[in-house]
Structure formats: structure tokens, C-alpha cells
């Protein structure tokens, strides 16, 4: 059995007593919604969901909630393994270098560099470009 979460937006009682309900479905569930409810006049069931429904169903399905790091996270990770980068950011080891990047970019994990445009911009302007210049 599958379920898709949504948010009730509007409700209208029709002349014959039928209740018409408008539900907004998050775009990330679009394909799943059409797979389950692709036909007009298809019978459906409704039930209120607990506030952490999406988290609990994703955990049950084995879906990772945290986005994975991409190219910027990998680059930051490589920087943190370089003694030259440690000298650049005045760190004693890879952990301190990582913490320095997180602090400068205002993020909790290097993977955030690939999902937070502001952090990515800060990384490029205040870390990557100056470090590349210092290496010349």
C-alpha cells in the first residue's frame, strides 16, 4: 500500500451534499501521484497524517533524507586533506580545515555546498579562488 502526503487547501459542499476537497501535492511526489491516481473518477481514501509522516515513510523505505554531496563537497574534502590547505587556513589538521570551511560558508556539512547557492558562492569567492591564488 502506498500513500502520498498533501495539504488540504479548500473544501466546498455541493448542492447534493458531496464535499469537494482541493489537495496540493508537493512536486517531488508528482510522478508517484500520477502513477497511483492517473485516472479521473478513481476511488481514493483520505486520512489525516502525523506531522512526521514523510520522514517515517522515507525511513521505512530506506530513502536517505540528507542530500548527498557533489563536486563542491568532493573538492572541499580534497582541500581538507592537503597540508598546503591547512597552512592556507591556519589549521593543524583535516578536521580543523573542515571546520574552518563550514564556519566561513555558514553550513553544517560540506555536502551543503552543493545544495546551498549562497554557501557555494562564499566557497568560491572566499576559499577556492584565494587558495588557488596562494598556490601560484
C-alpha atoms as a PDB file:
ATOM      1  CA  UNK A   1       0.000   0.000   0.000  1.00  0.00           C
ATOM      2  CA  UNK A   2       1.313   3.482  -0.873  1.00  0.00           C
ATOM      3  CA  UNK A   3       0.472   6.900   0.450  1.00  0.00           C
ATOM      4  CA  UNK A   4       1.340  10.390  -0.738  1.00  0.00           C
ATOM      5  CA  UNK A   5       1.214  13.346   1.587  1.00  0.00           C
ATOM      6  CA  UNK A   6      -0.539  16.542   0.627  1.00  0.00           C
ATOM      7  CA  UNK A   7      -2.057  19.626   2.168  1.00  0.00           C
ATOM      8  CA  UNK A   8      -5.780  20.350   2.253  1.00  0.00           C
ATOM      9  CA  UNK A   9      -6.322  23.799   0.756  1.00  0.00           C
ATOM     10  CA  UNK A  10     -10.039  24.230   0.124  1.00  0.00           C
ATOM     11  CA  UNK A  11     -13.341  22.499   0.748  1.00  0.00           C
ATOM     12  CA  UNK A  12     -16.785  23.122  -0.724  1.00  0.00           C
ATOM     13  CA  UNK A  13     -20.087  21.428  -0.020  1.00  0.00           C
ATOM     14  CA  UNK A  14     -22.047  20.788  -3.190  1.00  0.00           C
ATOM     15  CA  UNK A  15     -25.835  21.077  -3.551  1.00  0.00           C
ATOM     16  CA  UNK A  16     -26.257  17.310  -3.281  1.00  0.00           C
ATOM     17  CA  UNK A  17     -24.221  17.157  -0.048  1.00  0.00           C
ATOM     18  CA  UNK A  18     -20.995  15.947  -1.707  1.00  0.00           C
ATOM     19  CA  UNK A  19     -17.878  17.511  -0.235  1.00  0.00           C
ATOM     20  CA  UNK A  20     -15.306  18.642  -2.826  1.00  0.00           C
ATOM     21  CA  UNK A  21     -11.783  18.913  -1.444  1.00  0.00           C
ATOM     22  CA  UNK A  22      -8.731  20.539  -3.017  1.00  0.00           C
ATOM     23  CA  UNK A  23      -5.396  18.969  -2.005  1.00  0.00           C
ATOM     24  CA  UNK A  24      -1.969  20.283  -3.016  1.00  0.00           C
ATOM     25  CA  UNK A  25       0.652  17.609  -3.691  1.00  0.00           C
ATOM     26  CA  UNK A  26       4.321  18.509  -3.319  1.00  0.00           C
ATOM     27  CA  UNK A  27       6.069  18.456  -6.741  1.00  0.00           C
ATOM     28  CA  UNK A  28       8.532  15.825  -5.521  1.00  0.00           C
ATOM     29  CA  UNK A  29       5.580  13.385  -5.346  1.00  0.00           C
ATOM     30  CA  UNK A  30       4.207  14.308  -8.793  1.00  0.00           C
ATOM     31  CA  UNK A  31       5.199  11.115 -10.609  1.00  0.00           C
ATOM     32  CA  UNK A  32       4.128   8.877  -7.756  1.00  0.00           C
ATOM     33  CA  UNK A  33       0.770  10.687  -7.626  1.00  0.00           C
ATOM     34  CA  UNK A  34       0.141  10.151 -11.346  1.00  0.00           C
ATOM     35  CA  UNK A  35       1.181   6.516 -11.082  1.00  0.00           C
ATOM     36  CA  UNK A  36      -1.308   5.905  -8.278  1.00  0.00           C
ATOM     37  CA  UNK A  37      -4.151   8.235  -9.317  1.00  0.00           C
ATOM     38  CA  UNK A  38      -3.789   8.678 -13.060  1.00  0.00           C
ATOM     39  CA  UNK A  39      -7.469   8.260 -13.903  1.00  0.00           C
ATOM     40  CA  UNK A  40     -10.320  10.689 -13.336  1.00  0.00           C
ATOM     41  CA  UNK A  41     -13.145   9.418 -11.053  1.00  0.00           C
ATOM     42  CA  UNK A  42     -10.807   6.890  -9.451  1.00  0.00           C
ATOM     43  CA  UNK A  43     -11.800   5.915  -5.894  1.00  0.00           C
ATOM     44  CA  UNK A  44      -9.403   7.185  -3.220  1.00  0.00           C
ATOM     45  CA  UNK A  45      -9.203   7.167   0.568  1.00  0.00           C
ATOM     46  CA  UNK A  46      -8.237  10.069   2.831  1.00  0.00           C
ATOM     47  CA  UNK A  47      -6.741  10.026   6.306  1.00  0.00           C
ATOM     48  CA  UNK A  48      -5.045  12.702   8.415  1.00  0.00           C
ATOM     49  CA  UNK A  49      -1.298  12.197   8.700  1.00  0.00           C
ATOM     50  CA  UNK A  50       1.002  12.707  11.659  1.00  0.00           C
ATOM     51  CA  UNK A  51       3.393  15.627  11.259  1.00  0.00           C
ATOM     52  CA  UNK A  52       6.422  13.420  10.620  1.00  0.00           C
ATOM     53  CA  UNK A  53       4.717  11.134   8.077  1.00  0.00           C
ATOM     54  CA  UNK A  54       7.150  11.903   5.249  1.00  0.00           C
ATOM     55  CA  UNK A  55      10.158  11.249   7.481  1.00  0.00           C
ATOM     56  CA  UNK A  56       8.804   7.978   8.844  1.00  0.00           C
ATOM     57  CA  UNK A  57       7.731   6.617   5.441  1.00  0.00           C
ATOM     58  CA  UNK A  58      11.035   7.646   3.877  1.00  0.00           C
ATOM     59  CA  UNK A  59      12.948   5.975   6.701  1.00  0.00           C
ATOM     60  CA  UNK A  60      10.888   2.823   6.260  1.00  0.00           C
ATOM     61  CA  UNK A  61      11.568   2.810   2.534  1.00  0.00           C
ATOM     62  CA  UNK A  62      15.282   3.238   3.186  1.00  0.00           C
ATOM     63  CA  UNK A  63      15.399   6.616   1.478  1.00  0.00           C
ATOM     64  CA  UNK A  64      18.170   8.880   2.692  1.00  0.00           C
ATOM     65  CA  UNK A  65      16.796  12.229   3.833  1.00  0.00           C
ATOM     66  CA  UNK A  66      20.044  14.180   3.679  1.00  0.00           C
ATOM     67  CA  UNK A  67      21.155  15.250   0.215  1.00  0.00           C
ATOM     68  CA  UNK A  68      24.403  13.758  -0.963  1.00  0.00           C
ATOM     69  CA  UNK A  69      27.463  15.850  -1.590  1.00  0.00           C
ATOM     70  CA  UNK A  70      28.503  16.553  -5.149  1.00  0.00           C
ATOM     71  CA  UNK A  71      31.501  18.085  -6.844  1.00  0.00           C
ATOM     72  CA  UNK A  72      31.964  21.010  -4.438  1.00  0.00           C
ATOM     73  CA  UNK A  73      31.805  18.734  -1.399  1.00  0.00           C
ATOM     74  CA  UNK A  74      34.436  16.496  -3.006  1.00  0.00           C
ATOM     75  CA  UNK A  75      36.655  19.478  -3.789  1.00  0.00           C
ATOM     76  CA  UNK A  76      36.347  20.793  -0.234  1.00  0.00           C
ATOM     77  CA  UNK A  77      37.169  17.303   1.041  1.00  0.00           C
ATOM     78  CA  UNK A  78      40.290  17.164  -1.131  1.00  0.00           C
ATOM     79  CA  UNK A  79      41.350  20.606   0.117  1.00  0.00           C
ATOM     80  CA  UNK A  80      40.976  19.410   3.707  1.00  0.00           C
ATOM     81  CA  UNK A  81      43.382  16.518   3.069  1.00  0.00           C
ATOM     82  CA  UNK A  82      46.102  18.865   1.793  1.00  0.00           C
ATOM     83  CA  UNK A  83      48.776  20.144   4.168  1.00  0.00           C
ATOM     84  CA  UNK A  84      49.100  23.190   1.898  1.00  0.00           C
ATOM     85  CA  UNK A  85      45.442  23.984   2.521  1.00  0.00           C
ATOM     86  CA  UNK A  86      45.979  23.561   6.261  1.00  0.00           C
ATOM     87  CA  UNK A  87      48.673  26.233   6.060  1.00  0.00           C
ATOM     88  CA  UNK A  88      46.384  28.466   3.977  1.00  0.00           C
ATOM     89  CA  UNK A  89      43.568  28.339   6.540  1.00  0.00           C
ATOM     90  CA  UNK A  90      45.891  28.071   9.575  1.00  0.00           C
ATOM     91  CA  UNK A  91      44.588  24.636  10.572  1.00  0.00           C
ATOM     92  CA  UNK A  92      46.529  21.900  12.333  1.00  0.00           C
ATOM     93  CA  UNK A  93      44.730  19.003  10.635  1.00  0.00           C
ATOM     94  CA  UNK A  94      41.940  17.965   8.253  1.00  0.00           C
ATOM     95  CA  UNK A  95      39.235  18.299  10.912  1.00  0.00           C
ATOM     96  CA  UNK A  96      40.190  21.895  11.678  1.00  0.00           C
ATOM     97  CA  UNK A  97      40.310  22.664   7.947  1.00  0.00           C
ATOM     98  CA  UNK A  98      36.801  21.209   7.535  1.00  0.00           C
ATOM     99  CA  UNK A  99      35.519  23.219  10.498  1.00  0.00           C
ATOM    100  CA  UNK A 100      37.055  26.370   9.002  1.00  0.00           C
ATOM    101  CA  UNK A 101      35.227  25.815   5.687  1.00  0.00           C
ATOM    102  CA  UNK A 102      31.945  25.144   7.493  1.00  0.00           C
ATOM    103  CA  UNK A 103      32.324  28.289   9.588  1.00  0.00           C
ATOM    104  CA  UNK A 104      33.244  30.554   6.652  1.00  0.00           C
ATOM    105  CA  UNK A 105      30.393  29.213   4.487  1.00  0.00           C
ATOM    106  CA  UNK A 106      27.829  29.097   7.315  1.00  0.00           C
ATOM    107  CA  UNK A 107      26.959  25.434   6.761  1.00  0.00           C
ATOM    108  CA  UNK A 108      26.782  22.244   8.828  1.00  0.00           C
ATOM    109  CA  UNK A 109      28.323  19.835   6.316  1.00  0.00           C
ATOM    110  CA  UNK A 110      30.452  20.073   3.173  1.00  0.00           C
ATOM    111  CA  UNK A 111      27.596  18.426   1.252  1.00  0.00           C
ATOM    112  CA  UNK A 112      25.635  21.657   1.789  1.00  0.00           C
ATOM    113  CA  UNK A 113      27.986  23.355  -0.686  1.00  0.00           C
ATOM    114  CA  UNK A 114      26.198  21.518  -3.500  1.00  0.00           C
ATOM    115  CA  UNK A 115      22.682  22.377  -2.302  1.00  0.00           C
ATOM    116  CA  UNK A 116      23.031  25.916  -0.927  1.00  0.00           C
ATOM    117  CA  UNK A 117      23.802  28.508  -3.636  1.00  0.00           C
ATOM    118  CA  UNK A 118      24.871  31.138  -1.088  1.00  0.00           C
ATOM    119  CA  UNK A 119      27.336  28.754   0.564  1.00  0.00           C
ATOM    120  CA  UNK A 120      28.681  27.735  -2.858  1.00  0.00           C
ATOM    121  CA  UNK A 121      29.255  31.373  -3.782  1.00  0.00           C
ATOM    122  CA  UNK A 122      31.073  32.028  -0.491  1.00  0.00           C
ATOM    123  CA  UNK A 123      33.161  28.880  -1.006  1.00  0.00           C
ATOM    124  CA  UNK A 124      34.224  30.023  -4.490  1.00  0.00           C
ATOM    125  CA  UNK A 125      34.901  33.648  -3.556  1.00  0.00           C
ATOM    126  CA  UNK A 126      36.425  33.335  -0.079  1.00  0.00           C
ATOM    127  CA  UNK A 127      38.063  29.902  -0.179  1.00  0.00           C
ATOM    128  CA  UNK A 128      38.635  28.324  -3.601  1.00  0.00           C
ATOM    129  CA  UNK A 129      39.775  31.402  -5.551  1.00  0.00           C
ATOM    130  CA  UNK A 130      42.078  32.764  -2.792  1.00  0.00           C
ATOM    131  CA  UNK A 131      43.554  29.302  -2.192  1.00  0.00           C
ATOM    132  CA  UNK A 132      44.251  28.854  -5.910  1.00  0.00           C
ATOM    133  CA  UNK A 133      45.912  32.290  -5.988  1.00  0.00           C
ATOM    134  CA  UNK A 134      48.015  31.424  -2.922  1.00  0.00           C
ATOM    135  CA  UNK A 135      49.232  28.227  -4.618  1.00  0.00           C
ATOM    136  CA  UNK A 136      50.657  30.163  -7.613  1.00  0.00           C
END
